Amino acid sequence: MSPHAWHLNLTSRLGMSMDFANFTTVWNSALDPEPIHPNRFFEGLAKKYRLGLLSNTDPIHVAKLESGYEFFRYFPAETRTYSCAVGASKPNSVIFREALRACKAKAEETIYIDDIAAYVEAARRLGIKGIHFQSREQLGRALKGLGVSVKSE
């Protein structure tokens, strides 16, 4: 769905009247301006591992995320999997399989991290190692437990 189609779809469903520019500003205000991890965390991982990104999102947020969040540079464009492009969203297995294909990865060689436990469980059902993110410190311990060592500070 194009950004303009998303705007029309959502404003119609919500019974709103708002032009595209204002809608985009309001819609993107829902995004957290500060990433949970500093760039050096992703930089450390990217030096040793192929990183992929999997997100339930829409084209307007994709544009904002990719242009406004510096850490995206550690996720190669071809390994970014978005629900709006795939036509399926987490926890549907279709999107996880598409992410594996995009990353050229096997499920058993992959670690999936999410703050929503149901999505982590969906990944695990496909043979992917999953970590339910709860804090930076907990993630560091969980990664270490899987043999991944990277500085998070």
N, C-alpha and C. Protein backbone atom coordinates (compact mmCIF):
# COMPACT_ATOMS: atom_id res chain seq x y z
N MET A 1 0.85 -1.17 0.00
CA MET A 1 0.00 0.00 0.00
C MET A 1 0.90 1.24 0.00
N SER A 2 0.61 2.16 -0.84
CA SER A 2 1.42 3.39 -0.92
C SER A 2 1.17 4.26 0.32
N PRO A 3 2.08 5.19 0.60
CA PRO A 3 1.86 6.09 1.73
C PRO A 3 0.53 6.86 1.64
N HIS A 4 0.20 7.32 0.43
CA HIS A 4 -1.05 8.07 0.28
C HIS A 4 -2.26 7.16 0.46
N ALA A 5 -2.16 5.94 -0.01
CA ALA A 5 -3.27 4.99 0.19
C ALA A 5 -3.42 4.66 1.67
N TRP A 6 -2.30 4.52 2.38
CA TRP A 6 -2.35 4.26 3.83
C TRP A 6 -3.02 5.43 4.54
N HIS A 7 -2.65 6.64 4.18
CA HIS A 7 -3.25 7.85 4.76
C HIS A 7 -4.76 7.84 4.55
N LEU A 8 -5.19 7.60 3.33
CA LEU A 8 -6.63 7.60 3.04
C LEU A 8 -7.35 6.46 3.76
N ASN A 9 -6.73 5.30 3.79
CA ASN A 9 -7.32 4.14 4.46
C ASN A 9 -7.51 4.42 5.94
N LEU A 10 -6.46 4.88 6.58
CA LEU A 10 -6.51 5.07 8.03
C LEU A 10 -7.41 6.24 8.42
N THR A 11 -7.31 7.36 7.73
CA THR A 11 -8.18 8.49 8.09
C THR A 11 -9.65 8.14 7.85
N SER A 12 -9.92 7.37 6.82
CA SER A 12 -11.29 6.94 6.56
C SER A 12 -11.79 6.01 7.67
N ARG A 13 -10.97 5.04 8.04
CA ARG A 13 -11.35 4.09 9.10
C ARG A 13 -11.55 4.79 10.43
N LEU A 14 -10.80 5.85 10.69
CA LEU A 14 -10.91 6.58 11.95
C LEU A 14 -11.89 7.75 11.88
N GLY A 15 -12.48 7.96 10.70
CA GLY A 15 -13.43 9.06 10.53
C GLY A 15 -12.79 10.42 10.68
N MET A 16 -11.55 10.55 10.21
CA MET A 16 -10.79 11.80 10.34
C MET A 16 -10.70 12.51 9.00
N SER A 17 -10.50 13.80 9.07
CA SER A 17 -10.23 14.60 7.89
C SER A 17 -8.91 15.32 8.15
N MET A 18 -7.86 14.89 7.44
CA MET A 18 -6.54 15.48 7.65
C MET A 18 -5.74 15.34 6.36
N ASP A 19 -5.08 16.40 5.95
CA ASP A 19 -4.28 16.30 4.73
C ASP A 19 -3.06 15.40 4.97
N PHE A 20 -2.46 14.98 3.88
CA PHE A 20 -1.37 14.01 3.96
C PHE A 20 -0.19 14.51 4.78
N ALA A 21 0.22 15.76 4.60
CA ALA A 21 1.38 16.30 5.32
C ALA A 21 1.13 16.30 6.83
N ASN A 22 -0.03 16.77 7.25
CA ASN A 22 -0.33 16.79 8.68
C ASN A 22 -0.47 15.37 9.23
N PHE A 23 -1.10 14.50 8.47
CA PHE A 23 -1.24 13.12 8.90
C PHE A 23 0.13 12.49 9.11
N THR A 24 1.03 12.70 8.18
CA THR A 24 2.38 12.14 8.27
C THR A 24 3.09 12.61 9.54
N THR A 25 2.99 13.88 9.83
CA THR A 25 3.62 14.44 11.03
C THR A 25 3.03 13.80 12.29
N VAL A 26 1.72 13.75 12.36
CA VAL A 26 1.05 13.17 13.53
C VAL A 26 1.36 11.68 13.63
N TRP A 27 1.27 10.99 12.52
CA TRP A 27 1.50 9.54 12.51
C TRP A 27 2.92 9.21 12.96
N ASN A 28 3.89 9.94 12.48
CA ASN A 28 5.28 9.67 12.85
C ASN A 28 5.62 10.10 14.27
N SER A 29 4.80 10.92 14.88
CA SER A 29 5.06 11.32 16.27
C SER A 29 4.93 10.14 17.23
N ALA A 30 4.33 9.06 16.78
CA ALA A 30 4.20 7.86 17.61
C ALA A 30 5.52 7.11 17.76
N LEU A 31 6.48 7.39 16.88
CA LEU A 31 7.77 6.71 16.92
C LEU A 31 8.62 7.27 18.05
N ASP A 32 9.29 6.38 18.76
CA ASP A 32 10.17 6.80 19.85
C ASP A 32 11.39 7.49 19.25
N PRO A 33 11.68 8.70 19.69
CA PRO A 33 12.82 9.42 19.09
C PRO A 33 14.18 8.87 19.48
N GLU A 34 14.25 8.09 20.53
CA GLU A 34 15.54 7.57 21.00
C GLU A 34 15.57 6.05 20.90
N PRO A 35 16.54 5.49 20.18
CA PRO A 35 16.66 4.03 20.14
C PRO A 35 17.05 3.49 21.52
N ILE A 36 16.70 2.24 21.76
CA ILE A 36 16.99 1.60 23.04
C ILE A 36 18.48 1.36 23.21
N HIS A 37 19.14 1.00 22.13
CA HIS A 37 20.58 0.72 22.17
C HIS A 37 21.35 1.80 21.41
N PRO A 38 22.54 2.12 21.89
CA PRO A 38 23.38 3.07 21.15
C PRO A 38 23.89 2.45 19.85
N ASN A 39 24.29 3.30 18.92
CA ASN A 39 24.79 2.81 17.63
C ASN A 39 25.93 1.82 17.77
N ARG A 40 26.79 2.00 18.77
CA ARG A 40 27.94 1.11 18.89
C ARG A 40 27.53 -0.34 19.19
N PHE A 41 26.35 -0.53 19.78
CA PHE A 41 25.83 -1.88 19.99
C PHE A 41 25.61 -2.55 18.64
N PHE A 42 24.92 -1.85 17.74
CA PHE A 42 24.63 -2.41 16.41
C PHE A 42 25.91 -2.50 15.58
N GLU A 43 26.78 -1.53 15.74
CA GLU A 43 28.05 -1.56 15.02
C GLU A 43 28.85 -2.81 15.41
N GLY A 44 28.90 -3.11 16.71
CA GLY A 44 29.61 -4.30 17.18
C GLY A 44 29.01 -5.57 16.62
N LEU A 45 27.69 -5.65 16.61
CA LEU A 45 27.04 -6.84 16.05
C LEU A 45 27.30 -6.95 14.55
N ALA A 46 27.17 -5.83 13.85
CA ALA A 46 27.32 -5.83 12.39
C ALA A 46 28.72 -6.23 11.94
N LYS A 47 29.73 -6.04 12.79
CA LYS A 47 31.09 -6.44 12.44
C LYS A 47 31.23 -7.96 12.41
N LYS A 48 30.39 -8.66 13.18
CA LYS A 48 30.51 -10.11 13.30
C LYS A 48 29.37 -10.89 12.65
N TYR A 49 28.21 -10.24 12.50
CA TYR A 49 27.02 -10.96 12.07
C TYR A 49 26.27 -10.18 11.00
N ARG A 50 25.51 -10.90 10.21
CA ARG A 50 24.62 -10.27 9.23
C ARG A 50 23.34 -9.92 9.98
N LEU A 51 23.00 -8.64 9.99
CA LEU A 51 21.82 -8.20 10.71
C LEU A 51 20.64 -8.04 9.77
N GLY A 52 19.48 -8.41 10.27
CA GLY A 52 18.24 -8.22 9.54
C GLY A 52 17.24 -7.53 10.44
N LEU A 53 16.32 -6.84 9.83
CA LEU A 53 15.31 -6.11 10.57
C LEU A 53 13.94 -6.60 10.11
N LEU A 54 13.05 -6.87 11.05
CA LEU A 54 11.71 -7.36 10.75
C LEU A 54 10.73 -6.49 11.53
N SER A 55 9.82 -5.83 10.83
CA SER A 55 8.92 -4.90 11.50
C SER A 55 7.52 -4.93 10.92
N ASN A 56 6.55 -4.94 11.83
CA ASN A 56 5.16 -4.68 11.44
C ASN A 56 5.03 -3.17 11.35
N THR A 57 4.96 -2.67 10.15
CA THR A 57 4.90 -1.22 10.00
C THR A 57 4.29 -0.85 8.66
N ASP A 58 4.16 0.42 8.45
CA ASP A 58 3.53 0.96 7.25
C ASP A 58 4.55 1.79 6.47
N PRO A 59 4.23 2.16 5.22
CA PRO A 59 5.21 2.88 4.40
C PRO A 59 5.60 4.25 4.93
N ILE A 60 4.72 4.92 5.64
CA ILE A 60 5.05 6.24 6.19
C ILE A 60 6.09 6.10 7.29
N HIS A 61 5.88 5.13 8.17
CA HIS A 61 6.87 4.90 9.23
C HIS A 61 8.19 4.40 8.65
N VAL A 62 8.13 3.56 7.63
CA VAL A 62 9.37 3.07 7.00
C VAL A 62 10.21 4.25 6.53
N ALA A 63 9.60 5.19 5.85
CA ALA A 63 10.35 6.35 5.34
C ALA A 63 10.98 7.14 6.48
N LYS A 64 10.23 7.34 7.55
CA LYS A 64 10.75 8.09 8.71
C LYS A 64 11.86 7.31 9.41
N LEU A 65 11.64 6.03 9.62
CA LEU A 65 12.64 5.21 10.31
C LEU A 65 13.95 5.16 9.53
N GLU A 66 13.84 4.89 8.24
CA GLU A 66 15.05 4.74 7.43
C GLU A 66 15.81 6.06 7.26
N SER A 67 15.12 7.17 7.29
CA SER A 67 15.81 8.46 7.13
C SER A 67 16.20 9.09 8.46
N GLY A 68 15.55 8.71 9.54
CA GLY A 68 15.76 9.41 10.79
C GLY A 68 16.47 8.66 11.89
N TYR A 69 16.71 7.39 11.69
CA TYR A 69 17.36 6.58 12.72
C TYR A 69 18.69 6.06 12.19
N GLU A 70 19.75 6.57 12.78
CA GLU A 70 21.10 6.28 12.31
C GLU A 70 21.45 4.78 12.35
N PHE A 71 20.92 4.06 13.33
CA PHE A 71 21.27 2.65 13.47
C PHE A 71 20.79 1.79 12.31
N PHE A 72 19.87 2.30 11.50
CA PHE A 72 19.39 1.51 10.35
C PHE A 72 20.53 1.19 9.39
N ARG A 73 21.58 1.99 9.39
CA ARG A 73 22.68 1.74 8.46
C ARG A 73 23.36 0.40 8.71
N TYR A 74 23.18 -0.16 9.90
CA TYR A 74 23.78 -1.46 10.22
C TYR A 74 22.94 -2.63 9.72
N PHE A 75 21.77 -2.33 9.20
CA PHE A 75 20.90 -3.35 8.64
C PHE A 75 20.85 -3.13 7.13
N PRO A 76 21.53 -3.97 6.36
CA PRO A 76 21.52 -3.77 4.91
C PRO A 76 20.09 -3.68 4.38
N ALA A 77 19.87 -2.81 3.41
CA ALA A 77 18.52 -2.59 2.87
C ALA A 77 17.85 -3.89 2.46
N GLU A 78 18.62 -4.79 1.89
CA GLU A 78 18.01 -6.05 1.42
C GLU A 78 17.60 -6.98 2.57
N THR A 79 18.04 -6.68 3.79
CA THR A 79 17.66 -7.52 4.93
C THR A 79 16.59 -6.87 5.81
N ARG A 80 16.00 -5.80 5.33
CA ARG A 80 14.92 -5.13 6.07
C ARG A 80 13.59 -5.65 5.53
N THR A 81 12.85 -6.30 6.40
CA THR A 81 11.58 -6.91 6.02
C THR A 81 10.45 -6.18 6.73
N TYR A 82 9.56 -5.59 5.95
CA TYR A 82 8.46 -4.82 6.50
C TYR A 82 7.12 -5.46 6.13
N SER A 83 6.22 -5.48 7.09
CA SER A 83 4.91 -6.09 6.86
C SER A 83 4.18 -5.42 5.70
N CYS A 84 4.33 -4.12 5.55
CA CYS A 84 3.64 -3.41 4.48
C CYS A 84 4.13 -3.83 3.10
N ALA A 85 5.35 -4.34 3.02
CA ALA A 85 5.89 -4.81 1.74
C ALA A 85 5.58 -6.28 1.51
N VAL A 86 5.53 -7.05 2.58
CA VAL A 86 5.31 -8.50 2.48
C VAL A 86 3.83 -8.83 2.33
N GLY A 87 2.98 -8.03 2.96
CA GLY A 87 1.55 -8.34 2.94
C GLY A 87 1.15 -9.30 4.04
N ALA A 88 2.01 -9.47 5.01
CA ALA A 88 1.75 -10.31 6.18
C ALA A 88 2.48 -9.68 7.34
N SER A 89 1.96 -9.89 8.54
CA SER A 89 2.60 -9.30 9.71
C SER A 89 2.83 -10.35 10.78
N LYS A 90 3.74 -10.02 11.69
CA LYS A 90 4.01 -10.90 12.82
C LYS A 90 2.71 -11.05 13.61
N PRO A 91 2.37 -12.21 14.06
CA PRO A 91 3.15 -13.43 14.18
C PRO A 91 3.00 -14.42 13.01
N ASN A 92 2.45 -14.00 11.89
CA ASN A 92 2.27 -14.89 10.74
C ASN A 92 3.62 -15.44 10.27
N SER A 93 3.68 -16.74 10.05
CA SER A 93 4.94 -17.37 9.64
C SER A 93 5.45 -16.86 8.30
N VAL A 94 4.55 -16.34 7.46
CA VAL A 94 4.95 -15.84 6.14
C VAL A 94 6.01 -14.75 6.27
N ILE A 95 5.83 -13.83 7.20
CA ILE A 95 6.78 -12.72 7.31
C ILE A 95 8.13 -13.19 7.86
N PHE A 96 8.10 -14.17 8.76
CA PHE A 96 9.36 -14.71 9.28
C PHE A 96 10.12 -15.45 8.17
N ARG A 97 9.40 -16.20 7.36
CA ARG A 97 10.05 -16.91 6.26
C ARG A 97 10.63 -15.92 5.24
N GLU A 98 9.92 -14.83 5.01
CA GLU A 98 10.42 -13.81 4.09
C GLU A 98 11.68 -13.15 4.65
N ALA A 99 11.70 -12.91 5.95
CA ALA A 99 12.89 -12.32 6.58
C ALA A 99 14.08 -13.28 6.46
N LEU A 100 13.85 -14.55 6.68
CA LEU A 100 14.93 -15.54 6.52
C LEU A 100 15.45 -15.54 5.09
N ARG A 101 14.53 -15.50 4.11
CA ARG A 101 14.92 -15.47 2.71
C ARG A 101 15.73 -14.22 2.40
N ALA A 102 15.26 -13.08 2.90
CA ALA A 102 15.95 -11.80 2.65
C ALA A 102 17.36 -11.81 3.23
N CYS A 103 17.52 -12.45 4.36
CA CYS A 103 18.83 -12.51 5.02
C CYS A 103 19.68 -13.67 4.53
N LYS A 104 19.10 -14.51 3.68
CA LYS A 104 19.79 -15.71 3.20
C LYS A 104 20.27 -16.53 4.40
N ALA A 105 19.35 -16.74 5.34
CA ALA A 105 19.69 -17.41 6.60
C ALA A 105 18.80 -18.63 6.80
N LYS A 106 19.34 -19.58 7.53
CA LYS A 106 18.58 -20.76 7.94
C LYS A 106 18.01 -20.46 9.32
N ALA A 107 16.81 -20.97 9.56
CA ALA A 107 16.14 -20.71 10.84
C ALA A 107 17.03 -21.06 12.02
N GLU A 108 17.65 -22.22 11.97
CA GLU A 108 18.45 -22.70 13.11
C GLU A 108 19.72 -21.89 13.34
N GLU A 109 20.10 -21.05 12.38
CA GLU A 109 21.28 -20.20 12.52
C GLU A 109 20.91 -18.75 12.87
N THR A 110 19.63 -18.52 13.14
CA THR A 110 19.12 -17.17 13.31
C THR A 110 18.67 -16.91 14.73
N ILE A 111 18.90 -15.69 15.19
CA ILE A 111 18.39 -15.23 16.48
C ILE A 111 17.42 -14.09 16.20
N TYR A 112 16.23 -14.20 16.73
CA TYR A 112 15.20 -13.18 16.58
C TYR A 112 14.93 -12.54 17.93
N ILE A 113 14.88 -11.22 17.96
CA ILE A 113 14.68 -10.46 19.19
C ILE A 113 13.45 -9.58 19.01
N ASP A 114 12.55 -9.63 19.99
CA ASP A 114 11.35 -8.79 19.94
C ASP A 114 10.88 -8.51 21.35
N ASP A 115 10.21 -7.39 21.53
CA ASP A 115 9.66 -7.08 22.85
C ASP A 115 8.26 -7.67 23.05
N ILE A 116 7.73 -8.33 22.05
CA ILE A 116 6.42 -8.98 22.16
C ILE A 116 6.63 -10.49 22.19
N ALA A 117 6.30 -11.08 23.33
CA ALA A 117 6.57 -12.51 23.56
C ALA A 117 5.91 -13.40 22.52
N ALA A 118 4.71 -13.07 22.09
CA ALA A 118 4.00 -13.90 21.11
C ALA A 118 4.75 -13.95 19.78
N TYR A 119 5.42 -12.88 19.43
CA TYR A 119 6.19 -12.86 18.18
C TYR A 119 7.44 -13.72 18.31
N VAL A 120 8.05 -13.67 19.47
CA VAL A 120 9.23 -14.51 19.73
C VAL A 120 8.82 -15.98 19.66
N GLU A 121 7.69 -16.31 20.24
CA GLU A 121 7.21 -17.69 20.22
C GLU A 121 6.91 -18.13 18.79
N ALA A 122 6.35 -17.26 17.98
CA ALA A 122 6.08 -17.59 16.57
C ALA A 122 7.38 -17.90 15.83
N ALA A 123 8.43 -17.14 16.11
CA ALA A 123 9.74 -17.39 15.48
C ALA A 123 10.29 -18.73 15.95
N ARG A 124 10.15 -19.01 17.22
CA ARG A 124 10.66 -20.28 17.76
C ARG A 124 9.97 -21.49 17.12
N ARG A 125 8.69 -21.35 16.82
CA ARG A 125 7.96 -22.47 16.17
C ARG A 125 8.55 -22.79 14.81
N LEU A 126 9.27 -21.86 14.22
CA LEU A 126 9.92 -22.09 12.93
C LEU A 126 11.37 -22.56 13.08
N GLY A 127 11.82 -22.75 14.31
CA GLY A 127 13.18 -23.20 14.56
C GLY A 127 14.18 -22.08 14.76
N ILE A 128 13.70 -20.86 14.87
CA ILE A 128 14.55 -19.70 15.09
C ILE A 128 14.76 -19.54 16.60
N LYS A 129 15.99 -19.25 16.99
CA LYS A 129 16.25 -18.95 18.40
C LYS A 129 15.64 -17.59 18.69
N GLY A 130 14.90 -17.50 19.79
CA GLY A 130 14.21 -16.25 20.08
C GLY A 130 14.56 -15.69 21.44
N ILE A 131 14.62 -14.37 21.50
CA ILE A 131 14.85 -13.66 22.76
C ILE A 131 13.72 -12.65 22.93
N HIS A 132 13.03 -12.76 24.05
CA HIS A 132 12.01 -11.77 24.39
C HIS A 132 12.70 -10.60 25.08
N PHE A 133 12.82 -9.48 24.38
CA PHE A 133 13.52 -8.31 24.90
C PHE A 133 12.73 -7.68 26.05
N GLN A 134 13.45 -7.46 27.17
CA GLN A 134 12.84 -6.80 28.32
C GLN A 134 13.69 -5.63 28.80
N SER A 135 14.99 -5.72 28.61
CA SER A 135 15.88 -4.62 28.97
C SER A 135 17.20 -4.80 28.24
N ARG A 136 17.99 -3.74 28.19
CA ARG A 136 19.30 -3.83 27.55
C ARG A 136 20.17 -4.87 28.25
N GLU A 137 20.13 -4.87 29.58
CA GLU A 137 20.97 -5.79 30.35
C GLU A 137 20.53 -7.25 30.11
N GLN A 138 19.24 -7.47 30.14
CA GLN A 138 18.70 -8.82 29.91
C GLN A 138 19.05 -9.30 28.51
N LEU A 139 18.97 -8.43 27.51
CA LEU A 139 19.32 -8.81 26.15
C LEU A 139 20.79 -9.20 26.07
N GLY A 140 21.66 -8.43 26.71
CA GLY A 140 23.08 -8.76 26.71
C GLY A 140 23.34 -10.13 27.29
N ARG A 141 22.67 -10.45 28.40
CA ARG A 141 22.83 -11.78 29.02
C ARG A 141 22.29 -12.88 28.10
N ALA A 142 21.14 -12.63 27.49
CA ALA A 142 20.54 -13.64 26.61
C ALA A 142 21.41 -13.89 25.38
N LEU A 143 21.95 -12.83 24.80
CA LEU A 143 22.84 -13.00 23.65
C LEU A 143 24.10 -13.77 24.06
N LYS A 144 24.66 -13.41 25.21
CA LYS A 144 25.84 -14.11 25.70
C LYS A 144 25.54 -15.59 25.88
N GLY A 145 24.36 -15.91 26.39
CA GLY A 145 23.95 -17.29 26.56
C GLY A 145 23.85 -18.07 25.26
N LEU A 146 23.67 -17.35 24.16
CA LEU A 146 23.63 -17.98 22.85
C LEU A 146 24.98 -17.89 22.12
N GLY A 147 25.99 -17.44 22.85
CA GLY A 147 27.34 -17.38 22.27
C GLY A 147 27.65 -16.10 21.52
N VAL A 148 26.81 -15.09 21.67
CA VAL A 148 27.02 -13.81 21.00
C VAL A 148 27.57 -12.83 22.03
N SER A 149 28.75 -12.33 21.78
CA SER A 149 29.37 -11.39 22.70
C SER A 149 29.56 -10.06 22.01
N VAL A 150 28.90 -9.04 22.56
CA VAL A 150 29.03 -7.70 21.99
C VAL A 150 28.79 -6.71 23.12
N LYS A 151 29.53 -5.63 23.08
CA LYS A 151 29.34 -4.59 24.09
C LYS A 151 28.07 -3.83 23.79
N SER A 152 27.24 -3.64 24.82
CA SER A 152 25.98 -2.92 24.63
C SER A 152 26.06 -1.49 25.15
N GLU A 153 27.17 -1.12 25.72
CA GLU A 153 27.32 0.25 26.26
C GLU A 153 28.34 1.01 25.44
